[in-house]
Amino acid sequence: MKKIVSSTIMSLDNFVAGPTGDLSMFKVEEDFFALSETLCDAADTALYGKGTYSIMQAYWPTAADNPNASAHDKQHALWYNHVPKYVLSTTLKSTDAPNAIIIGTNAVEEIKKLKEGEGKNIQIFGSPGVVRSLTQHGLIDEYWIFIYPVILGNGIPLFKDMNQPMGLTLVSGKFLSSGAVALHYIKGN
């Protein structure tokens, strides 16, 4: 059985981006990339919401082709281009991207089927709407939350309108050079 692992950058006050989707206040550095690579190594499937998928698709397919591409960009582009990418969207009807599958209806049932498969983890990067929905259905097994030392006051929240409390167990924590804290939780307490 596969596990779903969510990794999300977040402000101290629960926002994953500013009101218009701005991410510039989150400074990612080598130790963040190293943790991200570890998550990718443990996953053979990606899961995105439409917005995050659009951002990823605009950059990663050709990121390794840039002559100034970093080692991280080359490695992540290779992973991104080879894993199946499931996109949860009721408005995106098709994509010509290789290995991209759109789930428009029956998302919870389709995700349950994915989890029943063999292989490595299913990795969610960002995608706060997907994280909220799958959390409410108890489908996310692990959370990596990168809390940055910034208070936004408003923006796009990670957790909101939860229909019931959910206990988590802290597995590990790590300080990053940016001042962020990487917290790894599993479902349950």
N, C-alpha and C. Protein backbone atom coordinates (compact mmCIF):
# COMPACT_ATOMS: atom_id res chain seq x y z
N MET A 1 0.85 -1.18 0.00
CA MET A 1 0.00 0.00 0.00
C MET A 1 0.89 1.24 0.00
N LYS A 2 0.56 2.20 -0.84
CA LYS A 2 1.31 3.44 -0.93
C LYS A 2 0.89 4.42 0.16
N LYS A 3 1.81 5.28 0.55
CA LYS A 3 1.49 6.36 1.48
C LYS A 3 1.43 7.66 0.70
N ILE A 4 0.58 8.57 1.15
CA ILE A 4 0.56 9.92 0.60
C ILE A 4 1.31 10.82 1.56
N VAL A 5 2.31 11.52 1.01
CA VAL A 5 3.15 12.43 1.79
C VAL A 5 2.98 13.84 1.24
N SER A 6 2.61 14.75 2.10
CA SER A 6 2.42 16.15 1.72
C SER A 6 3.61 16.95 2.22
N SER A 7 4.16 17.81 1.36
CA SER A 7 5.19 18.76 1.83
C SER A 7 4.77 20.16 1.40
N THR A 8 4.78 21.06 2.37
CA THR A 8 4.25 22.40 2.14
C THR A 8 5.08 23.44 2.87
N ILE A 9 5.34 24.52 2.19
CA ILE A 9 5.95 25.70 2.80
C ILE A 9 4.82 26.53 3.41
N MET A 10 5.05 27.07 4.62
CA MET A 10 3.97 27.80 5.29
C MET A 10 4.54 28.91 6.16
N SER A 11 3.79 29.99 6.31
CA SER A 11 4.15 31.06 7.23
C SER A 11 3.77 30.63 8.66
N LEU A 12 4.22 31.40 9.64
CA LEU A 12 3.87 31.11 11.03
C LEU A 12 2.36 31.16 11.26
N ASP A 13 1.65 31.93 10.43
CA ASP A 13 0.21 32.06 10.63
C ASP A 13 -0.61 31.26 9.61
N ASN A 14 -0.07 30.12 9.13
CA ASN A 14 -0.84 29.14 8.36
C ASN A 14 -1.07 29.51 6.89
N PHE A 15 -0.29 30.41 6.31
CA PHE A 15 -0.50 30.76 4.91
C PHE A 15 0.62 30.19 4.04
N VAL A 16 0.25 29.59 2.92
CA VAL A 16 1.21 28.98 2.00
C VAL A 16 1.63 29.94 0.90
N ALA A 17 0.93 31.06 0.80
CA ALA A 17 1.23 32.10 -0.20
C ALA A 17 0.48 33.35 0.20
N GLY A 18 0.88 34.46 -0.39
CA GLY A 18 0.15 35.70 -0.19
C GLY A 18 -1.20 35.64 -0.88
N PRO A 19 -2.03 36.69 -0.74
CA PRO A 19 -3.38 36.67 -1.31
C PRO A 19 -3.43 36.43 -2.82
N THR A 20 -2.39 36.86 -3.54
CA THR A 20 -2.38 36.67 -5.01
C THR A 20 -1.49 35.51 -5.43
N GLY A 21 -1.08 34.68 -4.46
CA GLY A 21 -0.24 33.53 -4.78
C GLY A 21 1.25 33.80 -4.68
N ASP A 22 1.64 34.97 -4.19
CA ASP A 22 3.05 35.33 -4.07
C ASP A 22 3.77 34.40 -3.10
N LEU A 23 4.93 33.90 -3.52
CA LEU A 23 5.75 33.01 -2.69
C LEU A 23 7.11 33.61 -2.36
N SER A 24 7.34 34.84 -2.74
CA SER A 24 8.68 35.44 -2.65
C SER A 24 9.21 35.56 -1.22
N MET A 25 8.35 35.51 -0.23
CA MET A 25 8.80 35.64 1.15
C MET A 25 9.42 34.35 1.69
N PHE A 26 9.29 33.26 0.93
CA PHE A 26 9.84 31.97 1.34
C PHE A 26 11.16 31.74 0.61
N LYS A 27 12.26 31.87 1.31
CA LYS A 27 13.59 31.71 0.72
C LYS A 27 14.03 30.26 0.87
N VAL A 28 14.10 29.55 -0.24
CA VAL A 28 14.52 28.15 -0.19
C VAL A 28 16.01 28.06 -0.51
N GLU A 29 16.69 27.20 0.24
CA GLU A 29 18.14 27.07 0.10
C GLU A 29 18.51 25.59 0.00
N GLU A 30 19.79 25.31 -0.02
CA GLU A 30 20.28 23.96 -0.28
C GLU A 30 19.73 22.91 0.68
N ASP A 31 19.62 23.23 1.96
CA ASP A 31 19.12 22.22 2.89
C ASP A 31 17.64 21.90 2.64
N PHE A 32 16.88 22.89 2.17
CA PHE A 32 15.49 22.64 1.76
C PHE A 32 15.48 21.71 0.55
N PHE A 33 16.34 22.00 -0.43
CA PHE A 33 16.40 21.16 -1.63
C PHE A 33 16.83 19.74 -1.28
N ALA A 34 17.74 19.59 -0.33
CA ALA A 34 18.19 18.25 0.07
C ALA A 34 17.03 17.45 0.65
N LEU A 35 16.21 18.08 1.50
CA LEU A 35 15.04 17.38 2.04
C LEU A 35 14.04 17.06 0.95
N SER A 36 13.85 17.97 0.01
CA SER A 36 12.93 17.73 -1.11
C SER A 36 13.39 16.54 -1.94
N GLU A 37 14.70 16.44 -2.17
CA GLU A 37 15.24 15.32 -2.94
C GLU A 37 15.01 14.00 -2.22
N THR A 38 15.13 14.01 -0.89
CA THR A 38 14.85 12.81 -0.11
C THR A 38 13.40 12.38 -0.28
N LEU A 39 12.48 13.36 -0.28
CA LEU A 39 11.07 13.05 -0.48
C LEU A 39 10.82 12.47 -1.87
N CYS A 40 11.48 13.04 -2.87
CA CYS A 40 11.34 12.52 -4.24
C CYS A 40 11.89 11.12 -4.37
N ASP A 41 13.02 10.86 -3.73
CA ASP A 41 13.62 9.52 -3.79
C ASP A 41 12.68 8.46 -3.23
N ALA A 42 11.84 8.85 -2.29
CA ALA A 42 10.92 7.91 -1.65
C ALA A 42 9.57 7.83 -2.37
N ALA A 43 9.41 8.57 -3.48
CA ALA A 43 8.12 8.64 -4.18
C ALA A 43 8.28 8.26 -5.64
N ASP A 44 7.26 7.60 -6.17
CA ASP A 44 7.23 7.28 -7.60
C ASP A 44 6.00 7.85 -8.30
N THR A 45 5.28 8.72 -7.58
CA THR A 45 4.06 9.34 -8.10
C THR A 45 3.95 10.74 -7.51
N ALA A 46 3.47 11.69 -8.33
CA ALA A 46 3.22 13.05 -7.85
C ALA A 46 1.73 13.34 -7.92
N LEU A 47 1.27 14.15 -7.00
CA LEU A 47 -0.14 14.54 -6.94
C LEU A 47 -0.20 16.04 -6.75
N TYR A 48 -0.95 16.73 -7.62
CA TYR A 48 -1.01 18.19 -7.59
C TYR A 48 -2.45 18.67 -7.74
N GLY A 49 -2.68 19.88 -7.27
CA GLY A 49 -3.87 20.63 -7.65
C GLY A 49 -3.56 21.35 -8.96
N LYS A 50 -4.57 21.92 -9.59
CA LYS A 50 -4.38 22.57 -10.88
C LYS A 50 -3.39 23.72 -10.83
N GLY A 51 -3.45 24.55 -9.79
CA GLY A 51 -2.56 25.71 -9.70
C GLY A 51 -1.10 25.31 -9.55
N THR A 52 -0.82 24.41 -8.63
CA THR A 52 0.56 23.97 -8.44
C THR A 52 1.06 23.23 -9.67
N TYR A 53 0.21 22.41 -10.26
CA TYR A 53 0.60 21.70 -11.48
C TYR A 53 0.98 22.69 -12.58
N SER A 54 0.21 23.76 -12.74
CA SER A 54 0.52 24.76 -13.76
C SER A 54 1.89 25.39 -13.53
N ILE A 55 2.19 25.69 -12.26
CA ILE A 55 3.50 26.26 -11.91
C ILE A 55 4.60 25.26 -12.21
N MET A 56 4.41 24.02 -11.79
CA MET A 56 5.42 22.98 -12.00
C MET A 56 5.62 22.72 -13.50
N GLN A 57 4.54 22.64 -14.23
CA GLN A 57 4.61 22.31 -15.66
C GLN A 57 5.27 23.44 -16.45
N ALA A 58 5.16 24.65 -15.98
CA ALA A 58 5.78 25.78 -16.67
C ALA A 58 7.30 25.79 -16.52
N TYR A 59 7.82 25.09 -15.51
CA TYR A 59 9.27 25.16 -15.24
C TYR A 59 10.00 23.83 -15.41
N TRP A 60 9.51 22.77 -14.78
CA TRP A 60 10.30 21.56 -14.64
C TRP A 60 10.54 20.75 -15.91
N PRO A 61 9.65 20.70 -16.88
CA PRO A 61 9.95 19.87 -18.06
C PRO A 61 11.25 20.23 -18.76
N THR A 62 11.64 21.51 -18.74
CA THR A 62 12.86 21.93 -19.44
C THR A 62 13.92 22.51 -18.51
N ALA A 63 13.71 22.43 -17.22
CA ALA A 63 14.65 23.04 -16.26
C ALA A 63 16.07 22.51 -16.41
N ALA A 64 16.22 21.23 -16.67
CA ALA A 64 17.56 20.64 -16.78
C ALA A 64 18.28 21.08 -18.05
N ASP A 65 17.55 21.59 -19.03
CA ASP A 65 18.15 22.03 -20.29
C ASP A 65 18.86 23.37 -20.18
N ASN A 66 18.58 24.11 -19.12
CA ASN A 66 19.21 25.42 -18.93
C ASN A 66 20.69 25.21 -18.64
N PRO A 67 21.58 25.89 -19.36
CA PRO A 67 23.01 25.69 -19.12
C PRO A 67 23.46 26.05 -17.71
N ASN A 68 22.69 26.87 -17.01
CA ASN A 68 23.01 27.26 -15.63
C ASN A 68 22.22 26.48 -14.59
N ALA A 69 21.59 25.39 -15.01
CA ALA A 69 20.76 24.61 -14.09
C ALA A 69 21.60 24.08 -12.93
N SER A 70 21.06 24.20 -11.74
CA SER A 70 21.74 23.68 -10.55
C SER A 70 21.61 22.15 -10.52
N ALA A 71 22.39 21.54 -9.65
CA ALA A 71 22.29 20.08 -9.48
C ALA A 71 20.88 19.70 -9.04
N HIS A 72 20.29 20.51 -8.15
CA HIS A 72 18.92 20.24 -7.71
C HIS A 72 17.95 20.32 -8.88
N ASP A 73 18.06 21.36 -9.69
CA ASP A 73 17.15 21.50 -10.83
C ASP A 73 17.26 20.31 -11.77
N LYS A 74 18.47 19.85 -12.03
CA LYS A 74 18.65 18.70 -12.92
C LYS A 74 18.03 17.44 -12.32
N GLN A 75 18.28 17.22 -11.05
CA GLN A 75 17.75 16.02 -10.40
C GLN A 75 16.22 16.07 -10.30
N HIS A 76 15.67 17.22 -9.90
CA HIS A 76 14.22 17.29 -9.76
C HIS A 76 13.53 17.23 -11.12
N ALA A 77 14.12 17.84 -12.13
CA ALA A 77 13.54 17.77 -13.48
C ALA A 77 13.48 16.32 -13.96
N LEU A 78 14.52 15.56 -13.70
CA LEU A 78 14.54 14.15 -14.09
C LEU A 78 13.41 13.40 -13.40
N TRP A 79 13.25 13.61 -12.09
CA TRP A 79 12.16 12.96 -11.34
C TRP A 79 10.81 13.40 -11.89
N TYR A 80 10.63 14.71 -12.01
CA TYR A 80 9.34 15.27 -12.46
C TYR A 80 8.95 14.72 -13.83
N ASN A 81 9.89 14.63 -14.72
CA ASN A 81 9.58 14.20 -16.09
C ASN A 81 9.31 12.70 -16.21
N HIS A 82 9.67 11.93 -15.20
CA HIS A 82 9.50 10.48 -15.31
C HIS A 82 8.36 9.89 -14.46
N VAL A 83 7.95 10.60 -13.44
CA VAL A 83 6.90 10.02 -12.59
C VAL A 83 5.52 10.35 -13.14
N PRO A 84 4.53 9.47 -12.89
CA PRO A 84 3.16 9.83 -13.22
C PRO A 84 2.72 11.01 -12.35
N LYS A 85 2.04 11.96 -12.97
CA LYS A 85 1.56 13.15 -12.26
C LYS A 85 0.03 13.15 -12.31
N TYR A 86 -0.59 13.03 -11.17
CA TYR A 86 -2.05 13.09 -11.08
C TYR A 86 -2.43 14.50 -10.69
N VAL A 87 -3.37 15.08 -11.42
CA VAL A 87 -3.79 16.45 -11.20
C VAL A 87 -5.27 16.43 -10.83
N LEU A 88 -5.59 16.93 -9.63
CA LEU A 88 -6.98 17.01 -9.21
C LEU A 88 -7.55 18.34 -9.67
N SER A 89 -8.51 18.29 -10.57
CA SER A 89 -9.12 19.52 -11.09
C SER A 89 -10.46 19.20 -11.71
N THR A 90 -11.44 20.02 -11.40
CA THR A 90 -12.74 19.88 -12.06
C THR A 90 -12.84 20.80 -13.28
N THR A 91 -11.85 21.68 -13.46
CA THR A 91 -11.91 22.60 -14.60
C THR A 91 -10.89 22.28 -15.69
N LEU A 92 -9.76 21.68 -15.35
CA LEU A 92 -8.77 21.29 -16.34
C LEU A 92 -9.23 19.98 -16.97
N LYS A 93 -9.48 20.01 -18.25
CA LYS A 93 -10.06 18.84 -18.91
C LYS A 93 -9.03 17.96 -19.60
N SER A 94 -7.91 18.55 -20.03
CA SER A 94 -6.90 17.74 -20.71
C SER A 94 -5.54 18.42 -20.59
N THR A 95 -4.51 17.64 -20.86
CA THR A 95 -3.15 18.15 -20.89
C THR A 95 -2.37 17.30 -21.88
N ASP A 96 -1.44 17.94 -22.56
CA ASP A 96 -0.62 17.18 -23.50
C ASP A 96 0.70 16.77 -22.86
N ALA A 97 0.85 17.01 -21.58
CA ALA A 97 2.08 16.64 -20.88
C ALA A 97 2.16 15.13 -20.71
N PRO A 98 3.34 14.57 -20.99
CA PRO A 98 3.50 13.13 -20.79
C PRO A 98 3.36 12.77 -19.31
N ASN A 99 2.82 11.63 -19.05
CA ASN A 99 2.67 11.09 -17.69
C ASN A 99 1.73 11.90 -16.81
N ALA A 100 0.91 12.76 -17.38
CA ALA A 100 -0.04 13.55 -16.58
C ALA A 100 -1.45 12.98 -16.76
N ILE A 101 -2.10 12.74 -15.64
CA ILE A 101 -3.45 12.19 -15.64
C ILE A 101 -4.33 13.13 -14.83
N ILE A 102 -5.43 13.57 -15.41
CA ILE A 102 -6.34 14.48 -14.71
C ILE A 102 -7.43 13.66 -14.03
N ILE A 103 -7.64 13.95 -12.76
CA ILE A 103 -8.75 13.36 -12.01
C ILE A 103 -9.75 14.48 -11.77
N GLY A 104 -10.87 14.43 -12.48
CA GLY A 104 -11.86 15.49 -12.40
C GLY A 104 -13.07 15.16 -11.55
N THR A 105 -13.38 13.89 -11.46
CA THR A 105 -14.53 13.46 -10.67
C THR A 105 -14.12 12.28 -9.80
N ASN A 106 -14.89 12.02 -8.79
CA ASN A 106 -14.63 10.89 -7.88
C ASN A 106 -13.19 10.89 -7.35
N ALA A 107 -12.70 12.07 -7.02
CA ALA A 107 -11.30 12.22 -6.62
C ALA A 107 -10.95 11.34 -5.41
N VAL A 108 -11.79 11.32 -4.42
CA VAL A 108 -11.49 10.55 -3.21
C VAL A 108 -11.37 9.07 -3.55
N GLU A 109 -12.29 8.55 -4.33
CA GLU A 109 -12.23 7.13 -4.71
C GLU A 109 -11.02 6.84 -5.58
N GLU A 110 -10.69 7.75 -6.48
CA GLU A 110 -9.51 7.55 -7.34
C GLU A 110 -8.22 7.58 -6.53
N ILE A 111 -8.15 8.45 -5.54
CA ILE A 111 -6.96 8.51 -4.69
C ILE A 111 -6.85 7.26 -3.83
N LYS A 112 -7.98 6.78 -3.35
CA LYS A 112 -7.96 5.52 -2.58
C LYS A 112 -7.41 4.38 -3.44
N LYS A 113 -7.80 4.33 -4.70
CA LYS A 113 -7.27 3.30 -5.61
C LYS A 113 -5.77 3.45 -5.80
N LEU A 114 -5.31 4.70 -5.96
CA LEU A 114 -3.87 4.94 -6.09
C LEU A 114 -3.11 4.43 -4.87
N LYS A 115 -3.66 4.70 -3.69
CA LYS A 115 -3.01 4.27 -2.45
C LYS A 115 -2.92 2.75 -2.35
N GLU A 116 -3.86 2.05 -2.94
CA GLU A 116 -3.88 0.59 -2.87
C GLU A 116 -2.81 -0.04 -3.75
N GLY A 117 -2.19 0.73 -4.62
CA GLY A 117 -1.18 0.21 -5.53
C GLY A 117 0.12 -0.10 -4.82
N GLU A 118 0.98 -0.79 -5.54
CA GLU A 118 2.32 -1.12 -5.05
C GLU A 118 3.28 -0.01 -5.44
N GLY A 119 4.39 0.07 -4.74
CA GLY A 119 5.41 1.03 -5.10
C GLY A 119 5.75 1.98 -3.97
N LYS A 120 6.37 3.06 -4.37
CA LYS A 120 6.82 4.07 -3.41
C LYS A 120 5.68 5.02 -3.06
N ASN A 121 6.01 6.08 -2.34
CA ASN A 121 5.03 7.07 -1.88
C ASN A 121 4.42 7.86 -3.04
N ILE A 122 3.30 8.49 -2.73
CA ILE A 122 2.67 9.49 -3.58
C ILE A 122 3.00 10.84 -2.95
N GLN A 123 3.68 11.71 -3.68
CA GLN A 123 4.17 12.96 -3.13
C GLN A 123 3.31 14.14 -3.58
N ILE A 124 2.88 14.94 -2.61
CA ILE A 124 2.19 16.20 -2.90
C ILE A 124 3.14 17.33 -2.55
N PHE A 125 3.41 18.21 -3.50
CA PHE A 125 4.16 19.44 -3.23
C PHE A 125 3.18 20.59 -3.29
N GLY A 126 3.10 21.39 -2.21
CA GLY A 126 2.19 22.53 -2.20
C GLY A 126 0.75 22.06 -2.29
N SER A 127 0.02 22.60 -3.27
CA SER A 127 -1.36 22.17 -3.55
C SER A 127 -2.26 22.23 -2.32
N PRO A 128 -2.42 23.41 -1.69
CA PRO A 128 -3.16 23.50 -0.44
C PRO A 128 -4.60 23.00 -0.52
N GLY A 129 -5.28 23.23 -1.63
CA GLY A 129 -6.65 22.74 -1.76
C GLY A 129 -6.72 21.22 -1.74
N VAL A 130 -5.78 20.59 -2.41
CA VAL A 130 -5.70 19.13 -2.41
C VAL A 130 -5.40 18.63 -1.00
N VAL A 131 -4.44 19.28 -0.33
CA VAL A 131 -4.08 18.86 1.03
C VAL A 131 -5.29 18.99 1.95
N ARG A 132 -6.01 20.10 1.87
CA ARG A 132 -7.20 20.26 2.73
C ARG A 132 -8.22 19.16 2.46
N SER A 133 -8.52 18.92 1.19
CA SER A 133 -9.52 17.92 0.83
C SER A 133 -9.11 16.52 1.28
N LEU A 134 -7.88 16.14 0.98
CA LEU A 134 -7.45 14.79 1.33
C LEU A 134 -7.28 14.63 2.84
N THR A 135 -6.91 15.71 3.54
CA THR A 135 -6.84 15.66 5.00
C THR A 135 -8.22 15.40 5.59
N GLN A 136 -9.23 16.09 5.07
CA GLN A 136 -10.59 15.91 5.57
C GLN A 136 -11.09 14.48 5.36
N HIS A 137 -10.55 13.80 4.36
CA HIS A 137 -10.94 12.41 4.10
C HIS A 137 -9.96 11.40 4.70
N GLY A 138 -9.01 11.89 5.49
CA GLY A 138 -8.08 11.00 6.17
C GLY A 138 -7.12 10.26 5.26
N LEU A 139 -6.81 10.83 4.10
CA LEU A 139 -6.01 10.12 3.11
C LEU A 139 -4.52 10.46 3.13
N ILE A 140 -4.12 11.51 3.82
CA ILE A 140 -2.70 11.85 3.88
C ILE A 140 -2.08 11.16 5.09
N ASP A 141 -0.97 10.47 4.84
CA ASP A 141 -0.31 9.69 5.88
C ASP A 141 0.78 10.46 6.61
N GLU A 142 1.50 11.32 5.86
CA GLU A 142 2.60 12.08 6.44
C GLU A 142 2.56 13.52 5.95
N TYR A 143 2.98 14.42 6.83
CA TYR A 143 3.06 15.84 6.49
C TYR A 143 4.48 16.32 6.77
N TRP A 144 5.07 16.97 5.78
CA TRP A 144 6.29 17.74 5.98
C TRP A 144 5.88 19.20 5.86
N ILE A 145 5.96 19.93 6.96
CA ILE A 145 5.57 21.33 6.96
C ILE A 145 6.81 22.17 7.23
N PHE A 146 7.13 23.03 6.28
CA PHE A 146 8.28 23.91 6.37
C PHE A 146 7.77 25.28 6.83
N ILE A 147 7.94 25.58 8.11
CA ILE A 147 7.41 26.81 8.67
C ILE A 147 8.49 27.89 8.60
N TYR A 148 8.17 28.96 7.87
CA TYR A 148 9.10 30.06 7.67
C TYR A 148 8.84 31.18 8.67
N PRO A 149 9.89 31.88 9.10
CA PRO A 149 9.75 32.93 10.11
C PRO A 149 9.19 34.22 9.51
N VAL A 150 7.95 34.13 9.07
CA VAL A 150 7.27 35.28 8.50
C VAL A 150 5.79 35.19 8.88
N ILE A 151 5.19 36.33 9.13
CA ILE A 151 3.74 36.41 9.40
C ILE A 151 3.14 37.21 8.27
N LEU A 152 2.20 36.61 7.55
CA LEU A 152 1.62 37.27 6.38
C LEU A 152 0.35 38.05 6.70
N GLY A 153 -0.41 37.61 7.67
CA GLY A 153 -1.65 38.32 8.01
C GLY A 153 -2.84 37.90 7.17
N ASN A 154 -2.59 37.58 5.90
CA ASN A 154 -3.65 37.03 5.04
C ASN A 154 -2.99 36.34 3.86
N GLY A 155 -3.78 35.59 3.14
CA GLY A 155 -3.24 34.86 2.01
C GLY A 155 -4.00 33.56 1.81
N ILE A 156 -3.32 32.59 1.24
CA ILE A 156 -3.91 31.28 0.97
C ILE A 156 -3.55 30.36 2.14
N PRO A 157 -4.54 29.93 2.93
CA PRO A 157 -4.24 29.10 4.10
C PRO A 157 -3.99 27.64 3.72
N LEU A 158 -3.19 26.97 4.55
CA LEU A 158 -3.03 25.53 4.36
C LEU A 158 -4.23 24.80 4.94
N PHE A 159 -4.52 25.04 6.20
CA PHE A 159 -5.64 24.35 6.85
C PHE A 159 -6.74 25.36 7.17
N LYS A 160 -7.94 25.07 6.72
CA LYS A 160 -9.11 25.87 7.06
C LYS A 160 -10.34 25.01 6.89
N ASP A 161 -11.40 25.39 7.56
CA ASP A 161 -12.69 24.71 7.43
C ASP A 161 -12.58 23.20 7.62
N MET A 162 -11.74 22.77 8.54
CA MET A 162 -11.62 21.34 8.82
C MET A 162 -12.89 20.88 9.52
N ASN A 163 -13.40 19.73 9.11
CA ASN A 163 -14.67 19.27 9.67
C ASN A 163 -14.51 18.55 11.01
N GLN A 164 -13.27 18.21 11.39
CA GLN A 164 -13.04 17.61 12.70
C GLN A 164 -11.56 17.70 13.04
N PRO A 165 -11.24 17.68 14.33
CA PRO A 165 -9.82 17.71 14.71
C PRO A 165 -9.11 16.44 14.24
N MET A 166 -7.82 16.57 13.99
CA MET A 166 -7.03 15.40 13.60
C MET A 166 -5.70 15.45 14.35
N GLY A 167 -5.40 14.40 15.06
CA GLY A 167 -4.14 14.34 15.80
C GLY A 167 -2.99 13.94 14.90
N LEU A 168 -1.83 14.53 15.15
CA LEU A 168 -0.61 14.19 14.43
C LEU A 168 0.48 13.88 15.44
N THR A 169 1.45 13.08 15.03
CA THR A 169 2.60 12.78 15.86
C THR A 169 3.85 13.33 15.19
N LEU A 170 4.60 14.14 15.94
CA LEU A 170 5.84 14.69 15.41
C LEU A 170 6.90 13.59 15.38
N VAL A 171 7.47 13.36 14.18
CA VAL A 171 8.49 12.34 13.99
C VAL A 171 9.88 12.96 14.09
N SER A 172 10.03 14.14 13.47
CA SER A 172 11.33 14.80 13.50
C SER A 172 11.16 16.28 13.21
N GLY A 173 12.19 17.03 13.51
CA GLY A 173 12.23 18.45 13.21
C GLY A 173 13.66 18.83 12.88
N LYS A 174 13.79 19.82 12.01
CA LYS A 174 15.12 20.24 11.61
C LYS A 174 15.11 21.74 11.34
N PHE A 175 16.15 22.44 11.82
CA PHE A 175 16.30 23.85 11.52
C PHE A 175 16.99 23.98 10.17
N LEU A 176 16.50 24.90 9.33
CA LEU A 176 17.09 25.14 8.02
C LEU A 176 17.86 26.46 8.03
N SER A 177 18.80 26.60 7.12
CA SER A 177 19.65 27.79 7.09
C SER A 177 18.86 29.07 6.83
N SER A 178 17.69 28.95 6.22
CA SER A 178 16.84 30.11 5.94
C SER A 178 16.15 30.65 7.19
N GLY A 179 16.21 29.89 8.29
CA GLY A 179 15.48 30.24 9.49
C GLY A 179 14.19 29.47 9.62
N ALA A 180 13.85 28.71 8.60
CA ALA A 180 12.64 27.88 8.64
C ALA A 180 12.89 26.65 9.49
N VAL A 181 11.80 26.01 9.89
CA VAL A 181 11.84 24.76 10.62
C VAL A 181 11.08 23.73 9.79
N ALA A 182 11.71 22.59 9.54
CA ALA A 182 11.06 21.49 8.82
C ALA A 182 10.52 20.52 9.85
N LEU A 183 9.20 20.35 9.88
CA LEU A 183 8.55 19.45 10.84
C LEU A 183 7.94 18.28 10.08
N HIS A 184 8.24 17.07 10.54
CA HIS A 184 7.72 15.87 9.89
C HIS A 184 6.73 15.21 10.84
N TYR A 185 5.47 15.13 10.40
CA TYR A 185 4.40 14.54 11.20
C TYR A 185 3.82 13.32 10.50
N ILE A 186 3.32 12.37 11.30
CA ILE A 186 2.52 11.29 10.76
C ILE A 186 1.13 11.40 11.36
N LYS A 187 0.18 10.85 10.63
CA LYS A 187 -1.21 10.88 11.07
C LYS A 187 -1.36 10.03 12.33
N GLY A 188 -2.10 10.52 13.28
CA GLY A 188 -2.38 9.80 14.51
C GLY A 188 -1.59 10.38 15.68
N ASN A 189 -2.02 10.04 16.88
CA ASN A 189 -1.32 10.53 18.06
C ASN A 189 -1.25 9.49 19.13
